[in-house]
Every structure is written in structure tokens, then in C-alpha cells.
Protein backbone atom coordinates (compact mmCIF):
# COMPACT_ATOMS: atom_id res chain seq x y z
CA MET A 1 -0.01 0.00 0.01
CA LEU A 2 1.30 3.44 -0.94
CA ARG A 3 1.64 6.14 1.77
CA ASN A 4 0.88 9.76 1.11
CA ASN A 5 4.06 11.61 2.06
CA GLN A 6 2.68 15.00 1.14
CA GLY A 7 2.45 17.19 4.21
CA GLY A 8 1.34 20.76 4.95
CA PHE A 9 1.92 23.45 7.53
CA THR A 10 0.11 23.14 10.78
CA ILE A 11 -1.92 26.05 12.11
CA ILE A 12 0.70 26.64 14.83
CA GLU A 13 3.48 26.79 12.23
CA MET A 14 1.52 29.26 10.18
CA LEU A 15 0.91 31.45 13.21
CA VAL A 16 4.62 31.41 14.11
CA VAL A 17 5.57 32.48 10.54
CA VAL A 18 3.00 35.31 10.61
CA ALA A 19 4.24 36.47 14.01
CA ILE A 20 7.85 36.56 12.74
CA ILE A 21 6.84 38.52 9.66
CA GLY A 22 4.96 40.95 11.87
CA ILE A 23 7.99 41.53 14.16
CA LEU A 24 10.30 42.01 11.17
CA SER A 25 7.88 44.46 9.58
CA THR A 26 7.66 46.43 12.85
CA LEU A 27 11.41 46.62 13.19
CA SER A 28 11.75 47.78 9.61
CA ILE A 29 9.16 50.54 10.12
CA MET A 30 10.86 51.66 13.34
CA SER A 31 14.23 51.81 11.58
CA LEU A 32 12.73 53.78 8.68
CA ASN A 33 11.06 56.28 11.04
CA SER A 34 14.37 56.70 12.92
CA ARG A 35 16.20 57.47 9.69
CA LYS A 36 13.49 60.00 8.72
CA SER A 37 13.79 61.71 12.10
CA ASP A 38 17.57 61.89 11.71
CA ALA A 39 17.19 63.36 8.21
CA ARG A 40 14.83 66.03 9.55
CA ASP A 41 17.33 67.00 12.25
CA VAL A 42 20.10 67.18 9.73
CA LYS A 43 18.00 69.58 7.71
CA ARG A 44 17.24 71.69 10.81
CA LEU A 45 20.98 71.99 11.54
CA GLY A 46 21.53 73.00 7.96
CA ASP A 47 18.83 75.60 8.33
CA LEU A 48 20.61 77.06 11.36
CA ASP A 49 23.80 77.24 9.36
CA THR A 50 22.06 78.93 6.46
CA MET A 51 20.47 81.51 8.76
CA THR A 52 23.77 82.13 10.58
CA LYS A 53 25.39 83.03 7.28
CA ALA A 54 22.43 85.26 6.37
CA LEU A 55 22.68 87.04 9.75
CA ALA A 56 26.39 87.64 9.14
CA LEU A 57 25.62 89.22 5.77
CA TYR A 58 22.85 91.30 7.31
CA TYR A 59 25.16 92.57 10.05
CA THR A 60 27.87 93.49 7.55
CA ALA A 61 25.37 95.51 5.55
CA ASN A 62 23.51 97.14 8.46
CA GLY A 63 25.86 97.25 11.44
CA SER A 64 23.40 95.34 13.69
CA TYR A 65 21.22 92.21 13.75
CA PRO A 66 17.49 92.12 12.80
CA PRO A 67 15.67 94.07 15.61
CA ILE A 68 13.29 91.33 16.65
CA GLN A 69 13.25 90.31 20.25
CA GLN A 70 11.57 86.97 19.66
CA ALA A 71 10.66 84.97 16.57
CA PHE A 72 9.81 81.34 16.32
CA GLY A 73 8.91 79.10 13.46
CA TYR A 74 7.65 75.63 12.52
CA SER A 75 6.29 73.89 9.45
CA THR A 76 3.88 76.63 8.41
CA GLY A 77 5.39 79.79 9.86
CA GLY A 78 5.13 81.06 13.40
CA TYR A 79 5.22 84.31 15.39
CA ASN A 80 7.46 86.93 13.72
CA TRP A 81 8.87 84.26 11.40
CA ASN A 82 7.73 84.10 7.82
CA GLY A 83 4.69 86.29 8.23
CA SER A 84 3.46 88.97 5.83
CA ALA A 85 3.10 92.00 8.14
CA THR A 86 3.78 95.34 6.43
CA ALA A 87 3.95 97.67 9.44
CA PRO A 88 7.63 98.28 10.42
CA ALA A 89 6.99 97.43 14.05
CA LEU A 90 5.51 94.07 13.01
CA TYR A 91 7.98 93.11 10.24
CA PRO A 92 8.73 89.40 10.42
CA LEU A 93 12.29 88.04 10.48
CA LYS A 94 11.76 87.12 6.83
CA TYR A 95 11.60 90.80 5.95
CA TYR A 96 15.13 91.39 7.27
CA LEU A 97 16.84 88.20 6.19
CA GLY A 98 14.92 87.51 2.93
CA PRO A 99 17.42 89.46 0.76
CA TYR A 100 20.26 87.34 2.17
CA LEU A 101 18.64 83.97 1.60
CA ALA A 102 18.57 82.16 -1.71
CA THR A 103 14.87 81.45 -1.42
CA GLY A 104 13.88 84.77 0.07
CA PHE A 105 12.16 82.93 2.90
CA LEU A 106 13.24 81.59 6.25
CA PRO A 107 13.31 77.78 6.45
CA THR A 108 10.22 75.92 7.52
CA ASP A 109 10.40 72.73 9.50
CA PRO A 110 10.50 69.50 7.46
CA SER A 111 7.88 67.85 9.69
CA SER A 112 4.18 68.48 9.32
CA ASP A 113 3.58 69.19 12.99
CA THR A 114 2.96 72.60 14.51
CA ALA A 115 5.53 72.31 17.29
CA TYR A 116 7.91 75.24 17.24
CA ARG A 117 11.37 74.18 16.13
CA TYR A 118 13.29 77.39 15.35
CA TYR A 119 13.88 80.43 17.59
CA TYR A 120 15.64 83.75 17.10
CA GLY A 121 16.16 86.67 19.46
CA SER A 122 18.02 89.95 19.63
CA ASN A 123 17.64 92.78 22.09
CA PRO A 124 17.87 96.61 22.21
CA GLY A 125 19.93 96.52 25.40
CA ASP A 126 23.13 96.32 23.34
CA GLY A 127 21.75 97.97 20.22
CA TYR A 128 21.06 94.62 18.56
CA GLN A 129 24.79 93.86 18.45
CA SER A 130 24.28 90.23 19.45
CA TYR A 131 21.75 87.51 18.79
CA GLY A 132 20.77 84.04 19.80
CA MET A 133 19.18 81.29 17.76
CA MET A 134 18.20 77.74 18.56
CA MET A 135 16.59 74.69 17.09
CA ARG A 136 14.69 71.90 18.88
CA PRO A 137 15.77 68.51 17.59
CA GLU A 138 13.66 65.33 17.83
CA THR A 139 16.24 62.49 17.95
CA ALA A 140 18.29 61.31 20.88
CA LYS A 141 21.59 61.85 19.05
CA TYR A 142 20.97 65.55 18.39
CA LYS A 143 19.34 66.08 21.78
CA THR A 144 22.60 64.94 23.28
CA MET A 145 24.47 67.42 21.13
CA ALA A 146 22.04 70.14 22.22
CA ALA A 147 22.61 69.33 25.88
CA ASN A 148 26.33 70.01 25.41
CA ASP A 149 26.20 73.17 23.36
CA LYS A 150 27.21 75.40 26.37
CA GLY A 151 24.02 77.37 26.19
CA TYR A 152 21.35 78.09 28.82
CA SER A 153 20.96 74.99 30.94
CA SER A 154 17.13 75.13 30.94
CA TYR A 155 17.27 74.87 27.17
CA SER A 156 19.22 71.59 27.20
CA GLY A 157 16.78 70.15 24.67
CA TYR A 158 17.53 72.93 22.23
CA TYR A 159 20.63 73.37 20.08
CA GLU A 160 21.75 77.02 20.61
CA VAL A 161 24.06 79.18 18.45
CA GLY A 162 25.04 82.83 18.38
CA SER A 163 26.90 85.07 20.78
CA GLN A 164 24.00 85.74 23.14
CA PRO A 165 23.49 82.21 24.51
CA SER A 166 27.19 81.66 25.16
CA TYR A 167 27.62 85.12 26.70
CA CYS A 168 24.72 84.69 29.07
CA ALA A 169 25.57 81.08 29.99
CA GLN A 170 29.23 81.84 30.74
CA ASN A 171 28.78 85.16 32.50
CA SER A 172 29.67 84.43 36.18
CA ALA A 173 27.70 87.46 37.31
CA TYR A 174 24.45 85.68 36.46
CA SER A 175 22.95 82.56 37.95
CA GLY A 176 19.84 80.54 37.35
CA VAL A 177 17.25 82.37 35.24
CA GLY A 178 19.72 85.30 34.99
CA LYS A 179 21.45 83.34 32.26
CA ASN A 180 18.31 83.11 30.18
CA TRP A 181 18.63 84.89 26.80
CA TYR A 182 15.25 83.99 25.30
CA PHE A 183 12.46 84.96 27.64
CA TYR A 184 9.56 83.44 25.61
CA LEU A 185 10.41 79.90 26.80
CA ASN A 186 11.08 80.74 30.39
CA ALA A 187 10.03 84.13 31.69
CA SER A 188 9.94 83.10 35.34
CA GLY A 189 11.51 85.79 37.46
CA CYS A 190 12.80 87.67 34.44
CA THR A 191 11.89 91.30 34.13
CA VAL A 192 14.62 92.89 32.01
CA ILE A 193 15.37 90.39 29.27
CA GLU A 194 13.32 92.15 26.64
CA ASN A 195 15.76 95.11 26.88
CA ALA A 196 18.93 93.25 27.75
CA LYS A 197 21.05 90.42 26.36
CA CYS A 198 20.39 88.18 29.36
CA CYS A 199 17.74 88.03 32.00
CA GLY A 200 20.46 89.16 34.44
CA GLY A 201 21.18 92.23 32.32
CA ASN A 202 23.78 93.23 29.74
């Protein structure tokens, strides 16, 4: 008598295979999302570099930095960022830096969220002779870099550039909130920062 040697997968074997495929798919998606986050942070750092160069050109031409005490932007604009105000007192940062940027516009965040990612500030206390700028990264690698940028300690999750953050953070005359250079994020106990480089003064 002939035996039928043809066999098939059992239900348990099929479930195991499906589970493995599911795990591999999840890991692939997580890896892809991580690479996308890294790419967005790389662009944000590139944006800071582009703006730093534009600020240097602006200073050379005007003898001071754009007179905006606080501006912040994200994927679709933000307060005093890429807005279209026409009154001098309300001019956005785009108005000042546009001529020094290839696109004529400030960068917008590569993500589609509305979480603020870019910040700029300058103050009349020193005649707008200094500025601070920062970017909020989303990946652990760049957050670690931000925590070691020698800026204001309360902004450890933000990568800071410009002379203002380093001046305020390293000035031994100031402590705590006195080292704050950007009052929008942390105004606690700060009464002079709008007219000074640091919450502690000039």
C-alpha cells in the first residue's frame, strides 16, 4: 500500500511564521522612522547654518542684527517668522533676512507638525549687536548634542548658536534664570530680558 508523504503546515507553524513577519515588519518601520527623524534633524541643523550666514551678511550691511526680540517658526510659519506683516513694528524676520537667503524665505520645519522648532532673538539693550538662535531636535543623538552646546541649561533640549546664548551662560555674574537669553520659553523671574542680552542684564 502506498503512503501519502505530502504534508502541509500546521496552524501553529503558520501562526509562528505570521508572527515573525509581523515583528520584522515592525522593526523595519521603526528603523525607517528613525532614519526619517535623523534626516529632519540634519535639515534643521543645515537651516541654522544657512540663517547664521544670512545674519552675518545682514550685520555686515546694516551694522546690527535684525531688531526682533523673539521669533519662532515651525512647518507653516510662526510668530514673527515668515509672516506677511507690512507695518515696520511688525515686520517678520523674513523681511530682514529675505534678501540674504537664496529662497527669500526663512526655512520651515520639514515635519508636518505645529511644534515650534526654530527660535531667534536679539535685544535693544546692546543695540542689537548680538543675537541668539536655537533649534529643537527630535532624535536622541541631536538632543545629546544640544545638551552639550554650552548654552542656557534650561534649554538643554535645544541646540543654541550665536553670541548671546554663550555670553549669558558663561557670565559668572548671572545665575539661574539670569542666564536666560530667550524669555519666551522661560520668563519666570525675568523682568529685563526684553531690553537686555540676558535676564540678568547686559
